[in-house]
Structures are given as structure tokens and as C-alpha cells.
């Protein structure tokens, strides 16, 4: 009797894995479904599930493949995944290993463009408040483009034709391919640090969306936003729009149009100068006319026509004012003098010297303090008697203080 062969779990999983990977259909296929449970791992790998009404399948995209997808998958997004089916031996779970991912109904690049546009708009990079004015009378233009393309030839030709005095500084730059975005960022920083340009033209000729993709990269958009110099974008044809167009301070539909926007025709400058001269002449003529009319008006004023008569009138007015002032001042002095005399009379009436003239005397102590009552004097106190014509020195040898109603007594 033949013993049945016993397989290990690992053998079974390995056998099934080989079957799946060697299957003609499962080895290379396109699968359409809705993304769910999407997770971007820190390693760069993507893990998600594709599902439809009939079922679901686990999917994985490794970092090297995920990095090639220009947009970021989201849950609920309908996509087509190209890859192969295999088995993860450790768990025994079969999975769809993706190599490329594309959205349904919209190209991958277009979706990436819309996602980047939405992201940067939400951050305010497109806001008009951040747009810098393109200066007038530009002396030097920094041109960031390919040194061999048609765009640089158009810019040079048109700029020099419009204003032969303008200077052009060409910053040779890759404008297509994987290294283009980094090279554009480098040229933007170099043009700013150079310090001699007034404005930057960033552009290239037309092409497919893939050809223009470097101008949709986030690094380029942020470098434009960070530029201290105003940036004019001129990418592709009039119908081409890139993220760089939205971030730039001014969008030109073509490189040729950018050269026109950045320069002023010499003939236009001459016309502007002529118009300015005419305007100044008109303004000066108007000022002269107004001044002439004002002079004629002033000539008719009396002060200029009859100056002597006006002076005599002013002299008479001044003399009258002097007379009135003298009259008023004299009256006030007389009133003050009469008041002073009356005050002197009242003062003399109450003065002790007036009383002395009538035969009375004033008694004082040695310090000259008046003694107005007998009570204030002491027996033996030296006193001074002020009389009309002099002072007597005396001593109190006795005193009597009158009682109420008593008039005199003998000492």
C-alpha cells in the first residue's frame, strides 16, 4: 500500500504561488475596480483593496512602482491596475501586485495636475494678493529656458526689436525630462541671487502634457512662489496651462508674448514722451493763463490803482484811534487820581498822628508796642510817650484800672 504524501503548509503555498505566477492570464493583466483601505507606508509601498459588486482583492505596489504614479490614489477612486497575481507565502493570501495605476475616465497626468492644482490653491499660492507687479522700463530680463529651442530665439528677437536697449540674460535650463524640474528650480534661484535682472521669463515651446510636465511639479511651483523677482510664465501654446502659470505673477500665452509683455517698444516710449511733453505744455499754458487773469484782477484793486489815497485814509484812521486811546487813558487816570485822594483822606482821618495834632499822645513800651489799656502796663515799667513833636521816656509809678462805669481815680 502506497503511503499518501504529506505536504507542509509552506510547500502548498509555494506550489500555489508557482501556479499563479506561471499562469498565462494571471501573469500579466489589467484589473478595474474601486480603491478602498488605501494606505501609503513610510517605506513608500502602497497597500489597498480593489473591489467591485462581485468581490475584492488585496493589492500592493512597491516603492519603485508607486513612485512612477504621478497622482495620489484615494479611497473611492475608480482605477485600472496593471500587474500580476501572486501569493504571499507567509499568510497564504493571494494578492495583485501592481506595476502601474491609472484612473478611469481621466488620464493619470491630468488627475495628478488637478490634485496638485487643488492642493496649492488651498495653500494660497495662486492668490492675487501675492502677485508682484511687473516693473516698467525693464533694463534686464532673466530668461530661463532651453538654450537651443525656438522659444529662446523668439524671446531674443522680439525683445530686441521692441527695445534694443534691453539686456537679456539666458539661463540654460532643461525643460523636459525627469531632471528638468530640479534644473528649473536651480535656475530660478540663480536668477534671483544674480541680482541684476528686473524680471524673469520662464518658458518653453509647445508639446504634449508629458513634455510640459516639469512645469507642473510642486518643487517648481514653490520656487516660483518664493522668487523675489516677478516671474512671467510662458509655457507651450495659448491653450496649454501648467501649474507654473497659476503661481507666476503673469501668464503669457507664448514665449513671444512674454517678450512683448516684458518690454516696451521704443516707438511707444517715444510716443509716451511726446504725449507727456504735450501734456506738460498744456498744463503750463493753463497755469500762465490763470496767472495772467489773476494779475489783471489785482491790477484793478484800489491798493494798486490809488495807493496814496489809501495811505492817507489809513493815516486818518490811525490818528483817530490815537485820539480815542488818549481820551480813554486820560479819563481812567483822572478817576484813579480822585480815588487815591479820597483814600488818603480816609487814611489821615484814622491815623494816630492826626489825633496827636489835636493834643493827644500815644503810650508805648520800650519796644514800641502800643499800650492801649492800663491793665497792660506794670508798676515800674519803662514806657515811651509819643507826642506831636517828640517822644518822652517815663516810668509807671502807679496805676488804677477803672471798674465798669468808673471814669477816673487818684493815683
Protein backbone atom coordinates (compact mmCIF):
# COMPACT_ATOMS: atom_id res chain seq x y z
CA UNK A 1 0.00 0.00 0.00
CA UNK A 2 1.39 3.37 -1.04
CA UNK A 3 1.59 5.88 1.77
CA UNK A 4 -0.08 9.23 0.88
CA UNK A 5 2.36 12.12 0.58
CA UNK A 6 2.10 14.71 3.31
CA UNK A 7 2.81 18.32 2.33
CA UNK A 8 3.83 21.15 4.59
CA UNK A 9 1.97 24.44 4.60
CA UNK A 10 4.96 26.15 3.08
CA UNK A 11 5.09 23.59 0.27
CA UNK A 12 1.45 24.11 -0.54
CA UNK A 13 1.80 27.89 -0.56
CA UNK A 14 4.91 27.70 -2.73
CA UNK A 15 3.17 25.33 -5.15
CA UNK A 16 0.16 27.61 -5.46
CA UNK A 17 2.42 30.63 -5.89
CA UNK A 18 4.19 28.92 -8.80
CA UNK A 19 0.84 28.07 -10.37
CA UNK A 20 -0.33 31.66 -10.14
CA UNK A 21 2.88 33.21 -11.43
CA UNK A 22 3.12 30.81 -14.36
CA UNK A 23 -0.50 31.25 -15.41
CA UNK A 24 -0.68 32.98 -18.79
CA UNK A 25 -3.58 35.24 -17.79
CA UNK A 26 -2.66 35.94 -14.20
CA UNK A 27 0.96 36.72 -15.05
CA UNK A 28 0.06 39.98 -16.81
CA UNK A 29 -3.39 41.53 -16.57
CA UNK A 30 -5.39 44.73 -16.16
CA UNK A 31 -7.92 44.90 -13.34
CA UNK A 32 -10.54 47.61 -12.88
CA UNK A 33 -12.09 48.36 -9.52
CA UNK A 34 -12.68 50.85 -6.73
CA UNK A 35 -9.88 51.62 -4.29
CA UNK A 36 -10.59 51.08 -0.59
CA UNK A 37 -8.45 50.78 2.54
CA UNK A 38 -5.66 52.72 0.86
CA UNK A 39 -2.50 53.09 2.96
CA UNK A 40 0.80 54.69 1.96
CA UNK A 41 3.52 53.14 4.11
CA UNK A 42 6.54 55.14 5.29
CA UNK A 43 8.68 52.80 3.18
CA UNK A 44 6.97 54.10 0.05
CA UNK A 45 4.93 50.94 -0.53
CA UNK A 46 1.17 51.24 -1.17
CA UNK A 47 -1.37 48.80 0.21
CA UNK A 48 -5.03 48.85 -0.79
CA UNK A 49 -8.01 46.78 -1.89
CA UNK A 50 -9.68 46.77 -5.30
CA UNK A 51 -13.36 45.92 -5.14
CA UNK A 52 -16.49 45.81 -7.25
CA UNK A 53 -20.01 44.45 -6.78
CA UNK A 54 -18.82 40.83 -7.08
CA UNK A 55 -15.77 40.81 -4.83
CA UNK A 56 -12.49 42.28 -3.64
CA UNK A 57 -8.78 41.57 -3.98
CA UNK A 58 -5.83 42.76 -1.91
CA UNK A 59 -3.28 44.81 -3.82
CA UNK A 60 0.24 46.04 -3.20
CA UNK A 61 2.53 48.39 -5.11
CA UNK A 62 6.15 48.51 -4.09
CA UNK A 63 8.01 51.79 -3.75
CA UNK A 64 9.79 51.67 -7.10
CA UNK A 65 6.46 51.25 -8.91
CA UNK A 66 4.43 53.60 -6.70
CA UNK A 67 6.95 56.39 -7.29
CA UNK A 68 6.16 56.29 -11.01
CA UNK A 69 2.45 57.02 -10.47
CA UNK A 70 2.01 60.80 -10.91
CA UNK A 71 -1.12 61.07 -8.76
CA UNK A 72 -2.01 60.00 -5.23
CA UNK A 73 -4.71 57.29 -5.05
CA UNK A 74 -7.74 57.95 -2.88
CA UNK A 75 -10.45 55.73 -1.45
CA UNK A 76 -13.46 55.56 -3.75
CA UNK A 77 -11.40 56.24 -6.88
CA UNK A 78 -12.08 54.01 -9.89
CA UNK A 79 -8.78 52.82 -11.34
CA UNK A 80 -7.24 50.29 -13.69
CA UNK A 81 -4.28 48.44 -12.19
CA UNK A 82 -1.71 46.69 -14.34
CA UNK A 83 0.18 43.88 -12.64
CA UNK A 84 0.26 40.17 -11.83
CA UNK A 85 -1.29 37.81 -9.28
CA UNK A 86 0.90 36.03 -6.78
CA UNK A 87 0.72 34.58 -3.30
CA UNK A 88 2.23 35.95 -0.11
CA UNK A 89 3.56 32.72 1.37
CA UNK A 90 3.74 33.87 4.96
CA UNK A 91 -0.03 34.42 5.21
CA UNK A 92 -1.20 32.26 2.34
CA UNK A 93 -3.03 35.26 0.88
CA UNK A 94 -3.00 35.83 -2.83
CA UNK A 95 -2.56 39.43 -3.94
CA UNK A 96 -2.48 41.57 -7.01
CA UNK A 97 0.99 43.10 -7.33
CA UNK A 98 0.60 46.37 -9.23
CA UNK A 99 3.17 47.84 -11.55
CA UNK A 100 1.21 50.81 -12.87
CA UNK A 101 -2.03 52.54 -11.90
CA UNK A 102 -4.30 54.73 -13.99
CA UNK A 103 -7.57 56.44 -13.11
CA UNK A 104 -10.72 55.56 -15.02
CA UNK A 105 -12.18 58.38 -17.13
CA UNK A 106 -9.17 60.69 -16.72
CA UNK A 107 -5.53 60.28 -17.59
CA UNK A 108 -3.07 59.80 -14.76
CA UNK A 109 -1.24 63.03 -15.56
CA UNK A 110 -4.46 65.01 -15.78
CA UNK A 111 -5.56 63.68 -12.40
CA UNK A 112 -2.16 64.50 -10.92
CA UNK A 113 -2.46 68.01 -12.39
CA UNK A 114 -5.88 68.53 -10.81
CA UNK A 115 -4.71 67.21 -7.43
CA UNK A 116 -1.67 69.48 -7.41
CA UNK A 117 -3.73 72.47 -8.53
CA UNK A 118 -6.26 71.87 -5.74
CA UNK A 119 -3.53 71.43 -3.12
CA UNK A 120 -1.58 74.59 -3.97
CA UNK A 121 -4.75 76.67 -4.38
CA UNK A 122 -5.82 75.64 -0.87
CA UNK A 123 -2.44 76.86 0.42
CA UNK A 124 -2.95 80.25 -1.24
CA UNK A 125 -0.11 80.04 -3.79
CA UNK A 126 -2.43 81.29 -6.55
CA UNK A 127 -3.90 84.22 -4.58
CA UNK A 128 -3.84 87.60 -6.29
CA UNK A 129 -2.53 89.19 -3.07
CA UNK A 130 0.83 87.50 -3.67
CA UNK A 131 1.17 88.56 -7.32
CA UNK A 132 4.03 91.01 -7.87
CA UNK A 133 3.75 93.91 -10.30
CA UNK A 134 5.78 93.68 -13.48
CA UNK A 135 8.02 96.79 -13.37
CA UNK A 136 8.01 99.41 -16.10
CA UNK A 137 11.09 100.34 -18.11
CA UNK A 138 12.75 96.98 -17.58
CA UNK A 139 16.50 97.08 -18.14
CA UNK A 140 17.39 93.39 -17.87
CA UNK A 141 15.37 90.18 -18.35
CA UNK A 142 16.45 86.80 -16.99
CA UNK A 143 15.30 84.12 -19.45
CA UNK A 144 15.03 80.58 -18.06
CA UNK A 145 14.58 78.15 -20.93
CA UNK A 146 16.39 75.73 -23.20
CA UNK A 147 19.33 77.46 -24.94
CA UNK A 148 18.63 75.62 -28.19
CA UNK A 149 14.83 75.75 -28.55
CA UNK A 150 12.67 78.03 -30.64
CA UNK A 151 11.39 79.76 -27.52
CA UNK A 152 14.70 81.46 -26.69
CA UNK A 153 15.11 82.65 -30.30
CA UNK A 154 11.61 84.15 -30.29
CA UNK A 155 12.18 85.91 -26.97
CA UNK A 156 15.50 87.43 -28.09
CA UNK A 157 14.17 88.53 -31.48
CA UNK A 158 11.01 90.19 -30.18
CA UNK A 159 12.63 91.80 -27.13
CA UNK A 160 15.43 93.36 -29.19
CA UNK A 161 13.04 94.53 -31.87
CA UNK A 162 10.79 96.25 -29.37
CA UNK A 163 13.55 97.74 -27.23
CA UNK A 164 17.14 97.39 -28.49
CA UNK A 165 18.47 98.70 -25.18
CA UNK A 166 17.05 95.90 -23.03
CA UNK A 167 19.55 93.30 -21.79
CA UNK A 168 18.80 89.57 -21.87
CA UNK A 169 20.50 87.07 -19.55
CA UNK A 170 19.93 83.49 -20.71
CA UNK A 171 19.99 80.80 -18.01
CA UNK A 172 20.34 77.49 -19.94
CA UNK A 173 17.88 75.05 -18.39
CA UNK A 174 16.43 71.61 -19.02
CA UNK A 175 12.73 71.99 -19.77
CA UNK A 176 11.77 68.35 -20.37
CA UNK A 177 12.51 65.01 -18.75
CA UNK A 178 12.97 63.68 -15.25
CA UNK A 179 15.78 66.10 -14.35
CA UNK A 180 14.02 69.19 -15.72
CA UNK A 181 12.13 70.19 -12.56
CA UNK A 182 15.27 70.27 -10.42
CA UNK A 183 17.11 72.24 -13.12
CA UNK A 184 14.30 74.81 -13.35
CA UNK A 185 14.40 75.28 -9.57
CA UNK A 186 18.17 75.75 -9.74
CA UNK A 187 17.88 78.40 -12.47
CA UNK A 188 15.17 80.30 -10.58
CA UNK A 189 17.37 80.51 -7.50
CA UNK A 190 20.39 81.51 -9.60
CA UNK A 191 18.49 84.29 -11.41
CA UNK A 192 17.36 85.72 -8.07
CA UNK A 193 20.80 85.58 -6.48
CA UNK A 194 22.42 87.13 -9.58
CA UNK A 195 20.80 90.42 -8.61
CA UNK A 196 20.92 92.21 -11.98
CA UNK A 197 17.61 91.22 -13.56
CA UNK A 198 14.32 93.10 -13.18
CA UNK A 199 12.03 90.24 -14.20
CA UNK A 200 12.17 86.53 -15.07
CA UNK A 201 10.66 84.86 -18.14
CA UNK A 202 10.20 81.12 -17.54
CA UNK A 203 9.14 79.21 -20.60
CA UNK A 204 9.48 76.74 -23.40
CA UNK A 205 7.78 75.85 -26.67
CA UNK A 206 4.71 73.69 -27.09
CA UNK A 207 4.44 69.96 -26.52
CA UNK A 208 2.33 67.21 -25.03
CA UNK A 209 1.29 67.15 -21.40
CA UNK A 210 4.15 64.74 -20.75
CA UNK A 211 6.60 67.15 -22.43
CA UNK A 212 5.42 70.07 -20.28
CA UNK A 213 5.15 68.08 -17.07
CA UNK A 214 8.20 69.61 -15.38
CA UNK A 215 6.24 72.88 -15.12
CA UNK A 216 3.55 71.04 -13.13
CA UNK A 217 5.93 69.77 -10.46
CA UNK A 218 5.39 71.00 -6.91
CA UNK A 219 9.05 71.96 -6.47
CA UNK A 220 8.87 74.32 -9.47
CA UNK A 221 5.65 75.91 -8.21
CA UNK A 222 7.14 76.60 -4.80
CA UNK A 223 10.35 78.01 -6.31
CA UNK A 224 8.29 80.45 -8.41
CA UNK A 225 6.28 81.47 -5.36
CA UNK A 226 9.49 82.05 -3.37
CA UNK A 227 11.11 84.16 -6.12
CA UNK A 228 11.88 87.75 -5.16
CA UNK A 229 11.77 88.77 -8.82
CA UNK A 230 8.44 88.87 -10.70
CA UNK A 231 8.02 85.77 -12.88
CA UNK A 232 6.28 85.70 -16.28
CA UNK A 233 5.37 82.14 -17.30
CA UNK A 234 5.38 81.31 -21.00
CA UNK A 235 4.93 77.55 -21.32
CA UNK A 236 3.71 75.97 -24.54
CA UNK A 237 0.93 77.38 -26.68
CA UNK A 238 -2.03 79.55 -25.75
CA UNK A 239 -4.21 76.52 -24.94
CA UNK A 240 -1.58 74.93 -22.67
CA UNK A 241 -1.93 75.56 -18.95
CA UNK A 242 0.53 74.41 -16.31
CA UNK A 243 0.77 74.82 -12.54
CA UNK A 244 3.57 77.32 -13.18
CA UNK A 245 1.06 79.56 -14.98
CA UNK A 246 -1.16 79.75 -11.91
CA UNK A 247 1.69 80.52 -9.48
CA UNK A 248 3.52 83.03 -11.68
CA UNK A 249 2.90 86.74 -11.37
CA UNK A 250 1.81 86.97 -15.00
CA UNK A 251 0.97 84.33 -17.61
CA UNK A 252 1.87 84.83 -21.25
CA UNK A 253 0.23 82.52 -23.80
CA UNK A 254 3.54 82.01 -25.63
CA UNK A 255 7.23 82.87 -25.18
CA UNK A 256 6.85 85.55 -27.86
CA UNK A 257 4.00 87.13 -25.93
CA UNK A 258 6.12 87.05 -22.78
CA UNK A 259 8.82 89.09 -24.53
CA UNK A 260 6.19 91.63 -25.56
CA UNK A 261 4.80 91.87 -22.03
CA UNK A 262 8.26 92.37 -20.54
CA UNK A 263 9.34 95.13 -22.93
CA UNK A 264 8.00 98.40 -24.25
CA UNK A 265 8.51 99.28 -27.89
CA UNK A 266 10.98 102.11 -28.36
CA UNK A 267 8.42 103.79 -30.61
CA UNK A 268 5.88 103.52 -27.79
CA UNK A 269 8.35 105.15 -25.40
CA UNK A 270 8.90 108.00 -27.86
CA UNK A 271 5.15 108.41 -28.27
CA UNK A 272 4.74 108.41 -24.49
CA UNK A 273 7.46 111.06 -24.19
CA UNK A 274 5.79 113.19 -26.88
CA UNK A 275 2.39 112.86 -25.18
CA UNK A 276 3.97 113.78 -21.85
CA UNK A 277 5.60 116.86 -23.37
CA UNK A 278 2.27 117.95 -24.87
CA UNK A 279 0.51 117.42 -21.56
CA UNK A 280 3.15 119.45 -19.73
CA UNK A 281 2.86 122.23 -22.31
CA UNK A 282 -0.93 122.32 -21.90
CA UNK A 283 -0.62 122.41 -18.13
CA UNK A 284 1.96 125.19 -18.27
CA UNK A 285 -0.22 127.21 -20.65
CA UNK A 286 -3.17 126.78 -18.31
CA UNK A 287 -1.07 127.97 -15.36
CA UNK A 288 0.10 131.02 -17.32
CA UNK A 289 -3.47 131.87 -18.32
CA UNK A 290 -4.73 131.66 -14.75
CA UNK A 291 -1.78 133.72 -13.50
CA UNK A 292 -2.41 136.38 -16.14
CA UNK A 293 -6.07 136.66 -15.18
CA UNK A 294 -5.15 136.93 -11.51
CA UNK A 295 -2.65 139.69 -12.30
CA UNK A 296 -5.31 141.63 -14.23
CA UNK A 297 -7.67 141.25 -11.28
CA UNK A 298 -5.05 142.51 -8.84
CA UNK A 299 -4.27 145.49 -11.06
CA UNK A 300 -7.87 146.67 -10.71
CA UNK A 301 -7.80 146.59 -6.91
CA UNK A 302 -7.73 150.05 -5.21
CA UNK A 303 -4.49 149.35 -3.39
CA UNK A 304 -2.69 149.30 -6.70
CA UNK A 305 -4.73 151.96 -8.51
CA UNK A 306 -4.85 154.66 -5.72
CA UNK A 307 -2.14 153.77 -3.20
CA UNK A 308 -1.63 157.38 -1.88
CA UNK A 309 -5.34 157.85 -1.21
CA UNK A 310 -5.45 154.57 0.70
CA UNK A 311 -2.39 155.53 2.76
CA UNK A 312 -3.93 158.88 3.72
CA UNK A 313 -7.14 157.16 4.72
CA UNK A 314 -5.22 154.72 6.89
CA UNK A 315 -3.29 157.62 8.50
CA UNK A 316 -6.56 159.38 9.39
CA UNK A 317 -7.91 156.18 10.89
CA UNK A 318 -4.72 155.74 12.91
CA UNK A 319 -4.84 159.35 14.21
CA UNK A 320 -8.46 158.89 15.28
CA UNK A 321 -7.55 155.71 17.12
CA UNK A 322 -4.71 157.55 18.89
CA UNK A 323 -7.10 160.34 19.96
CA UNK A 324 -9.65 157.91 21.31
CA UNK A 325 -6.95 155.98 23.13
CA UNK A 326 -5.57 159.18 24.75
CA UNK A 327 -9.04 160.30 25.78
CA UNK A 328 -9.87 156.97 27.34
CA UNK A 329 -6.49 156.76 29.11
CA UNK A 330 -6.76 160.33 30.50
CA UNK A 331 -10.25 159.63 31.84
CA UNK A 332 -9.09 156.49 33.58
CA UNK A 333 -6.12 158.37 35.16
CA UNK A 334 -8.42 161.10 36.49
CA UNK A 335 -10.77 158.56 38.04
CA UNK A 336 -7.83 156.76 39.66
CA UNK A 337 -6.41 160.06 40.98
CA UNK A 338 -9.71 161.05 42.62
CA UNK A 339 -10.00 157.63 44.21
CA UNK A 340 -6.45 157.88 45.54
CA UNK A 341 -7.10 161.30 47.11
CA UNK A 342 -10.26 160.01 48.79
CA UNK A 343 -8.35 157.03 50.18
CA UNK A 344 -5.64 159.37 51.52
CA UNK A 345 -8.31 161.43 53.28
CA UNK A 346 -9.84 158.38 54.92
CA UNK A 347 -6.41 157.14 55.97
CA UNK A 348 -5.48 160.52 57.51
CA UNK A 349 -8.73 160.59 59.48
CA UNK A 350 -7.88 157.37 61.29
CA UNK A 351 -4.15 157.98 61.59
CA UNK A 352 -2.81 158.30 65.19
CA UNK A 353 -0.71 161.26 64.07
CA UNK A 354 -3.90 163.19 63.30
CA UNK A 355 -5.08 162.51 66.86
CA UNK A 356 -1.73 163.80 68.23
CA UNK A 357 -2.24 167.05 66.35
CA UNK A 358 -5.35 167.54 68.46
CA UNK A 359 -3.34 167.27 71.76
CA UNK A 360 -3.41 163.54 72.41
CA UNK A 361 -0.40 161.24 72.95
CA UNK A 362 0.32 157.52 72.31
CA UNK A 363 1.81 155.31 75.04
CA UNK A 364 4.21 152.50 74.05
CA UNK A 365 6.51 150.06 75.81
CA UNK A 366 10.25 150.16 75.21
CA UNK A 367 9.90 148.01 72.09
CA UNK A 368 7.43 150.43 70.55
CA UNK A 369 4.34 148.28 71.12
CA UNK A 370 1.30 150.46 71.88
CA UNK A 371 -0.16 150.16 75.40
CA UNK A 372 -3.89 150.61 74.93
CA UNK A 373 -5.07 149.66 78.44
CA UNK A 374 -3.90 150.39 82.00
CA UNK A 375 -4.13 146.72 82.68
CA UNK A 376 -1.35 146.11 80.11
CA UNK A 377 1.17 148.32 81.98
CA UNK A 378 3.13 147.21 85.04
CA UNK A 379 4.31 149.35 88.01
CA UNK A 380 7.93 150.34 87.42
CA UNK A 381 7.74 149.60 83.70
CA UNK A 382 9.63 151.95 81.44
CA UNK A 383 7.40 153.43 78.78
CA UNK A 384 7.65 155.81 75.85
CA UNK A 385 5.16 158.59 75.24
CA UNK A 386 4.79 159.65 71.59
CA UNK A 387 3.55 163.19 71.26
CA UNK A 388 3.01 165.57 68.42
CA UNK A 389 6.52 166.93 68.41
CA UNK A 390 8.58 164.15 70.02
CA UNK A 391 8.93 161.21 72.43
CA UNK A 392 9.15 161.23 76.24
CA UNK A 393 10.80 158.49 78.31
CA UNK A 394 8.82 157.70 81.52
CA UNK A 395 8.22 155.11 84.19
CA UNK A 396 4.92 153.80 85.54
CA UNK A 397 4.89 154.72 89.23
CA UNK A 398 1.31 153.75 89.82
CA UNK A 399 -1.85 152.71 88.00
CA UNK A 400 -5.58 152.45 88.52
CA UNK A 401 -7.82 150.23 86.46
CA UNK A 402 -11.36 151.56 86.07
CA UNK A 403 -14.18 149.35 87.07
CA UNK A 404 -17.29 149.21 84.90
CA UNK A 405 -18.87 152.68 84.94
CA UNK A 406 -15.93 154.25 86.76
CA UNK A 407 -14.27 157.09 84.91
CA UNK A 408 -11.27 158.26 86.95
CA UNK A 409 -9.39 157.87 90.23
CA UNK A 410 -6.50 159.46 92.06
CA UNK A 411 -3.13 157.69 91.92
